[in-house]
N, C-alpha and C. Protein backbone atom coordinates (compact mmCIF):
# COMPACT_ATOMS: atom_id res chain seq x y z
N MET A 1 0.88 -1.46 0.24
CA MET A 1 0.07 -0.25 -0.77
C MET A 1 0.93 1.36 -0.48
N THR A 2 0.74 2.01 -0.52
CA THR A 2 1.40 3.34 -1.19
C THR A 2 0.80 4.48 0.25
N ASP A 3 1.31 5.29 0.94
CA ASP A 3 0.72 6.25 1.36
C ASP A 3 -0.27 7.03 0.96
N SER A 4 -0.08 7.23 -0.23
CA SER A 4 -1.11 8.09 -1.00
C SER A 4 -2.90 7.95 -1.16
N ASN A 5 -2.77 6.67 -0.61
CA ASN A 5 -4.30 5.67 -0.30
C ASN A 5 -4.72 6.38 1.23
N LYS A 6 -4.39 7.11 2.34
CA LYS A 6 -4.39 7.10 3.58
C LYS A 6 -5.46 8.94 3.21
N PRO A 7 -4.62 9.73 2.96
CA PRO A 7 -4.99 11.18 2.00
C PRO A 7 -6.81 10.48 2.56
N ARG A 8 -6.70 10.01 1.07
CA ARG A 8 -8.28 9.89 -0.08
C ARG A 8 -9.27 9.25 1.38
N ILE A 9 -8.50 7.83 1.85
CA ILE A 9 -9.29 7.27 3.08
C ILE A 9 -10.10 8.50 4.41
N LEU A 10 -8.84 9.47 4.51
CA LEU A 10 -9.53 9.73 6.27
C LEU A 10 -10.47 10.90 5.05
N GLU A 11 -9.98 11.24 4.09
CA GLU A 11 -11.02 12.51 3.67
C GLU A 11 -12.60 11.62 3.36
N ALA A 12 -12.18 11.08 2.32
CA ALA A 12 -13.78 9.86 2.56
C ALA A 12 -14.15 9.80 3.89
N TYR A 13 -13.54 9.22 4.73
CA TYR A 13 -13.90 8.96 6.13
C TYR A 13 -14.96 10.57 6.89
N LEU A 14 -14.46 11.35 6.56
CA LEU A 14 -14.70 13.19 6.41
C LEU A 14 -15.87 12.70 6.18
N ALA A 15 -16.20 12.96 5.02
CA ALA A 15 -17.04 13.33 4.24
C ALA A 15 -18.25 12.12 4.38
N LEU A 16 -17.88 11.34 4.87
CA LEU A 16 -19.02 10.23 6.07
C LEU A 16 -19.21 10.85 7.09
N LEU A 17 -18.87 11.44 7.75
CA LEU A 17 -19.01 12.17 8.23
C LEU A 17 -19.86 13.41 8.79
N ALA A 18 -19.93 14.01 7.53
CA ALA A 18 -20.05 15.32 7.25
C ALA A 18 -21.98 14.96 6.91
N ARG A 19 -21.94 13.33 6.53
CA ARG A 19 -23.65 13.26 5.98
C ARG A 19 -23.92 12.65 6.79
N HIS A 20 -23.57 11.96 7.13
CA HIS A 20 -24.15 10.51 8.86
C HIS A 20 -23.97 10.99 9.81
N PRO A 21 -24.34 9.82 10.89
CA PRO A 21 -24.11 9.88 12.32
C PRO A 21 -22.77 8.95 12.39
N LEU A 22 -21.99 8.84 13.17
CA LEU A 22 -20.51 8.23 13.13
C LEU A 22 -21.34 6.29 13.77
N GLY A 23 -22.11 6.27 13.89
CA GLY A 23 -22.56 4.99 14.51
C GLY A 23 -23.38 4.59 13.00
N GLU A 24 -23.84 5.29 11.91
CA GLU A 24 -24.00 4.99 10.58
C GLU A 24 -23.06 4.31 9.73
N ILE A 25 -21.69 4.25 9.73
CA ILE A 25 -20.43 4.56 8.80
C ILE A 25 -19.60 3.55 9.81
N THR A 26 -20.00 2.36 8.76
CA THR A 26 -19.19 1.20 8.31
C THR A 26 -18.02 0.98 7.74
N MET A 27 -16.35 0.09 8.32
CA MET A 27 -15.74 -0.10 8.25
C MET A 27 -16.13 0.24 6.31
N HIS A 28 -16.53 -0.68 5.92
CA HIS A 28 -16.62 -1.54 4.55
C HIS A 28 -18.00 0.40 3.53
N ALA A 29 -18.24 0.91 4.13
CA ALA A 29 -18.99 1.77 3.72
C ALA A 29 -17.44 2.97 3.42
N VAL A 30 -16.60 3.16 4.22
CA VAL A 30 -15.80 4.06 3.92
C VAL A 30 -14.52 3.87 3.03
N ALA A 31 -14.47 2.31 2.80
CA ALA A 31 -13.72 1.59 1.64
C ALA A 31 -14.63 2.15 0.48
N GLU A 32 -15.46 2.12 0.39
CA GLU A 32 -16.20 2.60 -0.74
C GLU A 32 -16.42 3.16 -0.93
N GLU A 33 -16.09 4.15 -0.17
CA GLU A 33 -16.35 6.52 -0.43
C GLU A 33 -15.09 6.43 -0.82
N ALA A 34 -14.21 5.85 -0.47
CA ALA A 34 -12.68 5.82 -0.86
C ALA A 34 -11.84 5.69 -1.96
N GLY A 35 -12.70 4.13 -2.38
CA GLY A 35 -12.38 3.19 -4.17
C GLY A 35 -11.28 2.67 -3.58
N VAL A 36 -11.25 2.04 -2.62
CA VAL A 36 -10.43 0.59 -1.89
C VAL A 36 -10.46 0.15 -1.10
N SER A 37 -10.43 -1.05 -1.78
CA SER A 37 -10.59 -2.43 -0.87
C SER A 37 -10.56 -2.62 0.63
N LEU A 38 -11.10 -3.19 1.43
CA LEU A 38 -11.09 -3.54 2.51
C LEU A 38 -9.96 -3.76 3.51
N SER A 39 -9.25 -4.75 2.12
CA SER A 39 -7.45 -4.48 2.43
C SER A 39 -6.16 -3.48 2.99
N THR A 40 -6.84 -2.64 1.80
CA THR A 40 -6.19 -1.57 1.50
C THR A 40 -6.69 -0.38 2.95
N LEU A 41 -7.93 -0.64 3.60
CA LEU A 41 -8.32 0.26 4.68
C LEU A 41 -7.54 0.10 5.55
N ARG A 42 -7.74 -1.75 5.80
CA ARG A 42 -7.03 -2.16 6.94
C ARG A 42 -5.73 -1.65 7.20
N ARG A 43 -5.13 -1.53 6.00
CA ARG A 43 -3.27 -1.87 6.18
C ARG A 43 -3.42 0.20 6.37
N ALA A 44 -4.21 0.62 6.26
CA ALA A 44 -4.17 1.86 6.09
C ALA A 44 -4.01 2.83 7.56
N TYR A 45 -5.52 2.67 8.00
CA TYR A 45 -6.35 2.49 9.31
C TYR A 45 -7.17 1.24 10.10
N SER A 46 -6.00 0.80 10.91
CA SER A 46 -6.41 -0.05 11.76
C SER A 46 -7.77 -0.89 11.63
N SER A 47 -8.35 1.00 12.26
CA SER A 47 -10.03 0.79 13.43
C SER A 47 -10.41 2.63 12.64
N GLU A 48 -11.70 2.29 13.74
CA GLU A 48 -12.28 3.34 13.52
C GLU A 48 -10.91 4.25 14.28
N HIS A 49 -10.96 4.29 15.77
CA HIS A 49 -10.08 5.37 16.12
C HIS A 49 -8.80 5.31 16.01
N ALA A 50 -8.09 4.43 14.52
CA ALA A 50 -6.53 5.36 14.22
C ALA A 50 -7.91 6.64 13.55
N LEU A 51 -8.25 5.86 12.61
CA LEU A 51 -9.36 7.29 11.22
C LEU A 51 -9.45 8.81 11.99
N PHE A 52 -10.07 8.41 13.46
CA PHE A 52 -10.30 9.62 14.56
C PHE A 52 -8.47 10.29 14.93
N ASP A 53 -8.05 9.50 15.43
CA ASP A 53 -6.69 9.82 15.29
C ASP A 53 -5.52 10.88 13.92
N ALA A 54 -6.12 10.07 13.38
CA ALA A 54 -5.40 10.63 12.12
C ALA A 54 -5.73 11.73 11.49
N TYR A 55 -7.19 12.05 11.79
CA TYR A 55 -8.00 13.44 11.63
C TYR A 55 -7.54 14.54 12.70
N ALA A 56 -7.60 14.21 13.75
CA ALA A 56 -6.95 14.70 15.31
C ALA A 56 -5.29 15.36 14.84
N GLU A 57 -4.15 13.79 14.23
CA GLU A 57 -2.88 15.13 13.46
C GLU A 57 -3.31 15.47 12.71
N LYS A 58 -3.54 15.50 11.93
CA LYS A 58 -4.08 16.56 10.89
C LYS A 58 -4.28 18.10 10.55
N VAL A 59 -5.33 18.09 11.82
CA VAL A 59 -5.88 19.25 12.76
C VAL A 59 -4.30 19.75 13.45
N ASP A 60 -3.28 18.93 13.86
CA ASP A 60 -3.00 19.34 14.62
C ASP A 60 -1.52 19.70 13.73
N CYS A 61 -1.25 18.90 12.85
CA CYS A 61 -0.21 19.40 12.40
C CYS A 61 -0.48 20.70 11.31
N ALA A 62 -1.80 21.05 11.09
CA ALA A 62 -2.50 21.84 10.01
C ALA A 62 -1.81 23.47 11.66
N VAL A 63 -2.65 23.27 12.54
CA VAL A 63 -2.37 24.52 13.48
C VAL A 63 -1.14 24.55 13.80
N LEU A 64 -0.13 23.86 13.67
CA LEU A 64 1.32 23.84 13.92
C LEU A 64 1.38 24.96 12.55
N ASP A 65 1.69 23.97 11.27
CA ASP A 65 2.28 25.32 10.33
C ASP A 65 1.04 26.29 9.43
N ARG A 66 0.14 26.66 10.04
CA ARG A 66 -0.25 28.01 10.42
C ARG A 66 0.18 28.90 11.44
N THR A 67 0.65 28.33 12.54
CA THR A 67 1.11 29.27 13.49
C THR A 67 2.56 29.15 13.54
N ALA A 68 3.89 28.85 12.77
CA ALA A 68 4.95 28.83 12.55
C ALA A 68 5.16 30.04 12.87
N ASP A 69 4.74 31.27 12.00
CA ASP A 69 5.21 32.60 12.26
C ASP A 69 4.27 33.29 13.29
N LEU A 70 4.73 32.96 14.27
CA LEU A 70 3.64 33.56 15.98
C LEU A 70 4.31 34.30 16.42
N ASP A 71 3.80 35.63 17.06
CA ASP A 71 5.06 36.86 17.50
C ASP A 71 5.25 36.28 19.39
N LEU A 72 5.98 36.27 19.27
CA LEU A 72 6.42 35.72 20.35
C LEU A 72 6.73 36.39 21.36
N ASN A 73 6.75 37.61 20.41
CA ASN A 73 6.71 39.19 21.77
C ASN A 73 5.67 39.98 22.80
N ARG A 74 4.21 39.35 22.27
CA ARG A 74 3.17 38.63 22.66
C ARG A 74 3.07 37.78 24.18
N PRO A 75 2.19 37.93 24.28
CA PRO A 75 1.56 37.33 25.75
C PRO A 75 1.76 35.94 26.36
N ALA A 76 2.65 34.86 26.69
CA ALA A 76 1.60 34.02 26.25
C ALA A 76 0.00 34.07 25.97
N LYS A 77 -0.52 33.96 26.91
CA LYS A 77 -2.36 34.14 27.13
C LYS A 77 -2.69 34.15 25.54
N ASP A 78 -2.09 35.78 25.27
CA ASP A 78 -2.68 35.88 23.56
C ASP A 78 -2.52 34.81 22.35
N ARG A 79 -1.14 34.44 22.91
CA ARG A 79 -0.59 33.47 21.72
C ARG A 79 -1.11 31.95 21.74
N LEU A 80 -1.20 31.46 22.98
CA LEU A 80 -2.50 30.53 23.54
C LEU A 80 -3.91 30.77 22.69
N PHE A 81 -4.26 32.08 22.68
CA PHE A 81 -5.72 32.09 22.02
C PHE A 81 -5.51 32.10 20.99
N ASP A 82 -4.66 32.69 19.86
CA ASP A 82 -4.49 33.04 18.56
C ASP A 82 -4.22 31.78 17.88
N VAL A 83 -3.53 30.65 19.08
CA VAL A 83 -3.66 29.34 18.59
C VAL A 83 -4.59 28.41 18.36
N LEU A 84 -5.62 28.80 19.33
CA LEU A 84 -6.73 28.20 19.46
C LEU A 84 -7.73 28.59 18.89
N MET A 85 -7.71 30.06 18.31
CA MET A 85 -8.54 30.32 17.37
C MET A 85 -8.20 29.69 15.80
N THR A 86 -7.02 29.56 15.75
CA THR A 86 -6.76 28.77 14.26
C THR A 86 -7.02 27.03 14.45
N ARG A 87 -6.76 26.87 15.56
CA ARG A 87 -7.56 25.93 15.68
C ARG A 87 -9.07 25.32 15.08
N ILE A 88 -9.93 26.37 15.91
CA ILE A 88 -11.42 26.17 15.44
C ILE A 88 -11.39 26.24 13.82
N GLY A 89 -10.17 27.66 13.28
CA GLY A 89 -10.47 27.94 12.05
C GLY A 89 -10.57 26.84 10.79
N VAL A 90 -9.60 26.29 11.43
CA VAL A 90 -8.98 24.86 11.17
C VAL A 90 -10.28 23.42 11.48
N LEU A 91 -10.85 23.23 12.43
CA LEU A 91 -12.18 22.28 12.97
C LEU A 91 -13.67 22.94 11.72
N ALA A 92 -13.99 24.01 11.29
CA ALA A 92 -14.29 25.12 10.72
C ALA A 92 -14.99 24.27 9.29
N GLU A 93 -13.44 24.14 8.81
CA GLU A 93 -13.51 23.19 7.49
C GLU A 93 -13.95 21.91 7.37
N GLY A 94 -14.42 21.24 8.37
CA GLY A 94 -15.05 20.57 8.67
C GLY A 94 -15.85 20.53 9.69
N LYS A 95 -16.68 21.29 9.77
CA LYS A 95 -17.31 21.26 10.91
C LYS A 95 -18.56 20.58 11.24
N ALA A 96 -19.40 20.06 10.08
CA ALA A 96 -20.13 18.89 10.61
C ALA A 96 -19.03 17.52 10.69
N ALA A 97 -18.31 17.35 10.70
CA ALA A 97 -17.83 15.94 11.20
C ALA A 97 -17.70 15.92 12.12
N VAL A 98 -16.93 17.20 12.79
CA VAL A 98 -16.62 17.71 14.51
C VAL A 98 -17.74 17.47 14.89
N LYS A 99 -19.51 17.82 14.21
CA LYS A 99 -20.55 17.57 14.92
C LYS A 99 -20.90 16.55 15.15
N SER A 100 -20.58 15.93 14.27
CA SER A 100 -20.83 14.28 14.27
C SER A 100 -20.03 13.22 15.19
N LEU A 101 -18.75 13.77 15.64
CA LEU A 101 -17.93 12.83 16.14
C LEU A 101 -18.54 13.22 17.69
N LEU A 102 -18.50 14.42 17.99
CA LEU A 102 -19.17 14.67 19.02
C LEU A 102 -20.01 14.12 19.57
N SER A 103 -21.01 14.46 19.13
CA SER A 103 -22.13 14.11 19.27
C SER A 103 -22.20 12.61 19.42
N ALA A 104 -21.44 11.66 18.56
CA ALA A 104 -21.06 10.01 19.03
C ALA A 104 -20.70 9.52 20.20
N ALA A 105 -19.60 10.77 20.64
CA ALA A 105 -19.30 10.38 22.05
C ALA A 105 -19.69 10.51 23.38
N ALA A 106 -20.70 11.55 22.83
CA ALA A 106 -21.29 12.32 24.30
C ALA A 106 -22.03 10.71 24.42
N GLN A 107 -22.52 9.65 23.51
CA GLN A 107 -23.44 8.57 23.73
C GLN A 107 -22.61 7.23 23.87
N ASP A 108 -21.48 7.55 23.84
CA ASP A 108 -20.37 6.22 23.29
C ASP A 108 -19.41 6.51 24.79
N PRO A 109 -19.30 6.03 25.72
CA PRO A 109 -18.56 5.94 26.62
C PRO A 109 -17.17 6.09 26.83
N ALA A 110 -16.88 4.36 25.99
CA ALA A 110 -15.78 4.25 25.04
C ALA A 110 -15.07 5.13 24.57
N LEU A 111 -15.90 5.80 23.75
CA LEU A 111 -15.42 6.12 22.44
C LEU A 111 -15.18 7.51 22.98
N ALA A 112 -15.51 7.95 24.09
CA ALA A 112 -15.49 9.25 25.13
C ALA A 112 -14.15 9.65 25.98
N VAL A 113 -14.22 8.48 26.45
CA VAL A 113 -12.56 7.71 27.17
C VAL A 113 -11.50 8.06 25.93
N HIS A 114 -11.50 7.50 24.55
CA HIS A 114 -11.02 7.60 23.80
C HIS A 114 -10.41 8.95 23.64
N PHE A 115 -11.70 10.17 22.94
CA PHE A 115 -11.25 11.29 22.55
C PHE A 115 -10.55 12.27 23.73
N GLY A 116 -10.92 11.69 24.69
CA GLY A 116 -10.50 12.13 25.91
C GLY A 116 -8.50 12.72 26.32
N GLY A 117 -8.29 11.23 25.99
CA GLY A 117 -7.02 10.64 25.53
C GLY A 117 -6.46 11.36 23.91
N VAL A 118 -6.82 11.32 22.74
CA VAL A 118 -6.69 12.02 21.95
C VAL A 118 -6.83 14.06 21.73
N SER A 119 -7.94 14.51 22.91
CA SER A 119 -7.68 15.51 22.87
C SER A 119 -6.44 16.19 24.05
N ALA A 120 -6.25 15.44 25.26
CA ALA A 120 -5.09 15.65 25.88
C ALA A 120 -3.75 16.05 25.06
N ARG A 121 -3.30 15.24 23.94
CA ARG A 121 -2.82 15.52 23.27
C ARG A 121 -2.63 16.73 22.44
N GLU A 122 -3.72 16.44 21.88
CA GLU A 122 -3.86 17.03 20.89
C GLU A 122 -3.42 18.96 21.81
N GLN A 123 -4.28 19.30 23.20
CA GLN A 123 -3.66 20.55 23.02
C GLN A 123 -2.31 20.87 24.23
N SER A 124 -1.66 19.67 24.50
CA SER A 124 -0.14 19.56 24.60
C SER A 124 0.47 20.05 23.39
N TRP A 125 -0.51 19.31 22.28
CA TRP A 125 0.58 20.62 20.87
C TRP A 125 0.37 22.08 20.43
N MET A 126 -0.94 22.02 21.83
CA MET A 126 -1.41 23.60 21.15
C MET A 126 -0.51 24.18 22.28
N LEU A 127 0.03 24.03 23.30
CA LEU A 127 1.19 24.27 24.16
C LEU A 127 2.30 24.91 23.04
N VAL A 128 2.64 23.76 22.49
CA VAL A 128 3.91 23.83 21.72
C VAL A 128 3.56 25.19 20.58
N ALA A 129 2.92 24.94 19.94
CA ALA A 129 2.73 25.51 19.32
C ALA A 129 2.85 27.18 19.49
N ALA A 130 1.97 27.53 20.51
CA ALA A 130 2.14 28.83 21.32
C ALA A 130 3.51 28.94 21.75
N ARG A 131 4.35 28.46 21.86
CA ARG A 131 5.26 27.96 22.64
C ARG A 131 5.75 28.42 24.22
N ILE A 132 4.31 27.60 24.58
CA ILE A 132 4.41 28.01 26.05
C ILE A 132 4.74 26.53 27.27
N ASP A 133 6.20 26.85 27.20
CA ASP A 133 7.39 25.12 27.20
C ASP A 133 7.06 25.13 29.12
N VAL A 134 6.34 23.87 29.09
CA VAL A 134 5.94 24.03 30.27
C VAL A 134 6.81 22.16 30.06
N ARG A 135 6.81 21.05 31.83
CA ARG A 135 6.57 19.96 31.30
C ARG A 135 6.48 18.95 32.33
N GLY A 136 6.89 18.66 32.89
CA GLY A 136 6.34 17.37 33.52
C GLY A 136 4.38 17.63 33.96
N ALA A 137 4.43 17.68 35.24
CA ALA A 137 2.98 17.12 35.68
C ALA A 137 2.80 18.61 35.64
N ALA A 138 3.02 19.43 35.14
CA ALA A 138 2.30 20.95 35.01
C ALA A 138 2.37 21.08 33.82
N ALA A 139 3.12 20.72 32.89
CA ALA A 139 2.40 20.39 31.19
C ALA A 139 1.13 19.75 31.32
N ALA A 140 1.19 18.21 31.23
CA ALA A 140 0.14 17.20 31.61
C ALA A 140 -0.97 18.27 32.54
N ASN A 141 -1.29 18.97 33.58
CA ASN A 141 -2.27 19.15 33.86
C ASN A 141 -2.66 20.39 33.24
N LEU A 142 -1.81 21.66 32.74
CA LEU A 142 -1.61 22.30 31.99
C LEU A 142 -2.66 21.54 30.29
N ALA A 143 -2.57 21.00 29.95
CA ALA A 143 -3.16 20.00 29.09
C ALA A 143 -4.41 19.92 28.99
N GLN A 144 -4.87 19.27 30.20
CA GLN A 144 -6.26 18.62 30.78
C GLN A 144 -7.19 19.99 31.05
N ALA A 145 -6.21 20.99 31.68
CA ALA A 145 -7.42 22.07 31.81
C ALA A 145 -7.98 23.09 30.41
N LEU A 146 -6.75 22.61 29.83
CA LEU A 146 -6.96 23.11 27.87
C LEU A 146 -7.73 22.34 27.35
N VAL A 147 -7.92 21.13 27.93
CA VAL A 147 -8.97 20.46 27.11
C VAL A 147 -10.57 20.43 27.71
N LEU A 148 -10.88 20.95 28.91
CA LEU A 148 -12.06 21.76 29.01
C LEU A 148 -11.94 23.61 28.73
N VAL A 149 -11.19 23.84 28.22
CA VAL A 149 -11.39 25.15 27.96
C VAL A 149 -12.01 25.12 26.41
N PHE A 150 -10.57 24.12 26.11
CA PHE A 150 -11.24 23.89 23.86
C PHE A 150 -13.30 23.60 24.30
N GLY A 151 -12.57 22.24 25.13
CA GLY A 151 -14.48 22.11 24.93
C GLY A 151 -15.60 22.91 24.94
N ARG A 152 -15.57 23.44 25.96
CA ARG A 152 -16.58 24.28 26.34
C ARG A 152 -16.61 25.68 24.28
N THR A 153 -15.54 25.72 24.15
CA THR A 153 -15.48 27.29 23.07
C THR A 153 -15.91 26.34 22.34
N VAL A 154 -15.39 25.08 21.99
CA VAL A 154 -15.77 23.89 20.80
C VAL A 154 -17.65 23.84 20.74
N GLN A 155 -18.36 23.38 21.89
CA GLN A 155 -19.70 23.66 22.11
C GLN A 155 -20.36 24.83 21.45
N THR A 156 -20.15 26.04 21.45
CA THR A 156 -20.09 27.52 21.56
C THR A 156 -19.86 27.58 20.33
N PHE A 157 -18.77 27.03 19.63
CA PHE A 157 -18.43 27.37 17.92
C PHE A 157 -19.42 26.39 16.99
N LEU A 158 -19.54 25.29 17.82
CA LEU A 158 -20.56 24.08 16.74
C LEU A 158 -21.63 25.08 16.49
N LYS A 159 -22.06 25.92 17.24
CA LYS A 159 -23.65 26.88 16.88
C LYS A 159 -23.16 28.25 16.43
N ASP A 160 -21.77 28.74 16.57
CA ASP A 160 -22.03 29.84 16.33
C ASP A 160 -21.74 29.52 14.97
N ASP A 161 -22.61 30.45 13.68
CA ASP A 161 -22.54 30.49 12.06
C ASP A 161 -22.16 31.52 11.82
N SER A 162 -21.97 32.60 12.64
CA SER A 162 -21.52 33.99 12.55
C SER A 162 -20.22 33.57 11.47
N ASP A 163 -20.04 34.98 10.93
CA ASP A 163 -18.43 35.00 10.23
C ASP A 163 -17.14 35.48 10.93
N ASP A 164 -17.50 36.73 11.54
CA ASP A 164 -16.34 35.52 12.78
C ASP A 164 -16.53 36.01 13.97
N LEU A 165 -16.70 35.02 14.11
CA LEU A 165 -17.17 33.81 15.13
C LEU A 165 -16.96 34.35 16.35
N ALA A 166 -17.68 35.60 16.37
CA ALA A 166 -17.63 36.93 18.14
C ALA A 166 -18.69 35.73 19.31
N ALA A 167 -18.93 35.47 19.16
CA ALA A 167 -19.30 34.34 20.09
C ALA A 167 -18.41 33.06 20.62
N THR A 168 -17.89 32.31 19.60
CA THR A 168 -16.84 31.75 19.75
C THR A 168 -15.73 32.00 20.81
N ARG A 169 -14.78 33.21 19.88
CA ARG A 169 -13.99 34.53 20.36
C ARG A 169 -14.37 34.63 22.16
N ALA A 170 -14.96 35.02 22.28
CA ALA A 170 -16.14 36.19 24.06
C ALA A 170 -15.53 34.57 24.71
N VAL A 171 -16.28 33.45 23.67
CA VAL A 171 -15.84 32.22 25.06
C VAL A 171 -15.10 31.14 25.41
N LEU A 172 -14.13 31.54 24.63
CA LEU A 172 -12.30 31.72 24.54
C LEU A 172 -12.04 31.85 25.15
N ALA A 173 -11.81 33.45 24.93
CA ALA A 173 -11.14 34.50 26.00
C ALA A 173 -11.46 34.71 27.67
N ARG A 174 -12.98 34.09 27.42
CA ARG A 174 -13.35 34.78 28.93
C ARG A 174 -13.07 32.85 30.06
N GLU A 175 -13.08 31.65 29.03
CA GLU A 175 -12.77 30.55 29.42
C GLU A 175 -10.68 30.51 29.93
N LEU A 176 -10.48 30.82 28.83
CA LEU A 176 -8.25 31.69 29.60
C LEU A 176 -8.62 32.19 30.29
N ASP A 177 -9.58 33.76 30.26
CA ASP A 177 -9.31 33.75 31.92
C ASP A 177 -9.26 33.19 32.46
N VAL A 178 -10.58 32.32 33.09
CA VAL A 178 -10.51 31.44 34.28
C VAL A 178 -9.71 30.41 34.00
N GLY A 179 -9.06 30.11 33.09
CA GLY A 179 -8.34 29.12 33.09
C GLY A 179 -6.96 29.65 34.20
N ALA A 180 -6.27 30.74 33.62
CA ALA A 180 -5.03 31.72 34.01
C ALA A 180 -5.51 31.11 35.17
N LYS A 181 -5.86 31.91 35.67
CA LYS A 181 -6.58 32.38 37.29
C LYS A 181 -6.32 31.00 38.26
N TRP A 182 -7.45 29.94 37.52
CA TRP A 182 -7.43 28.96 37.98
C TRP A 182 -5.64 28.40 38.62
N MET A 183 -4.74 28.28 37.32
CA MET A 183 -3.54 28.09 37.12
C MET A 183 -3.08 28.76 38.92
N GLN A 184 -2.93 29.68 38.62
CA GLN A 184 -2.33 30.72 39.55
C GLN A 184 -2.81 30.26 40.91
N ASP A 185 -3.93 30.09 40.90
CA ASP A 185 -4.53 29.97 42.31
C ASP A 185 -3.79 28.52 42.95
N LEU A 186 -3.70 27.32 42.16
CA LEU A 186 -3.41 26.28 41.82
C LEU A 186 -1.28 26.30 41.93
N SER A 187 -0.97 27.04 41.73
CA SER A 187 0.31 27.52 42.45
C SER A 187 0.87 28.11 43.05
N GLN A 188 0.11 29.12 43.45
CA GLN A 188 0.08 29.32 44.38
C GLN A 188 -0.11 28.80 46.24
N ALA A 189 -0.83 27.21 45.72
CA ALA A 189 -1.36 26.79 47.08
C ALA A 189 0.05 25.67 47.48
N GLY A 190 0.39 25.38 46.18
CA GLY A 190 1.57 24.34 46.26
C GLY A 190 3.02 24.90 46.25
C-alpha cells in the first residue's frame, strides 16, 4: 500500500461523517467512499479510532503550520488564544464532521474516553504551537485544563454561524481568563 491512499481514505471518512452519524458509518462504507479495497483500508487504518486519530493529527499539523510565525513578543495567553482560534478555523473546514464525532462521543463512553486521551495530546501540541514551554506534571495539568477550555469553546463554535465567530472568540477569551486564574491559584497553593 502506498501512503497516497491514506489522505483519500481519511477524506472519505470525513465526508461520510459530514453526511451521517458516526454510528451509521461502517468500515465497508469508508472503503467504498474512498474507492479502495477493505484490505487497503485495513493496512492504512487498523480501526475507526485510528481514523479519528489521523484526523486529530491532521488538525494538529495544520495548526502547527499556520502558527509557525507566531509573534513571540505577545503574552503567552494571547499566543494561546491565537493558536486555539487557528484550531477553530481548521475545525471549521469540517464542522459537520466535528459535530458528528462529538455527538457520537456524548453517547458512547468508550469513545469519549478515547477522545479524552486524544484531546489531551492535541492540547499538549497547542501549548507547543503557542511556545509555552512547560514539562512534566505541569504540562499534563495545563493540557488537561485546556481540554476543558477548548471543549467549552467548541460547544459554542458548533452553534456559532457568524462570519467573525464573535461568540466563539468571547467564550475562548473568558475560558482562558478563568483557566489562567485557576492555574495561578493552584501554583500559589502548592
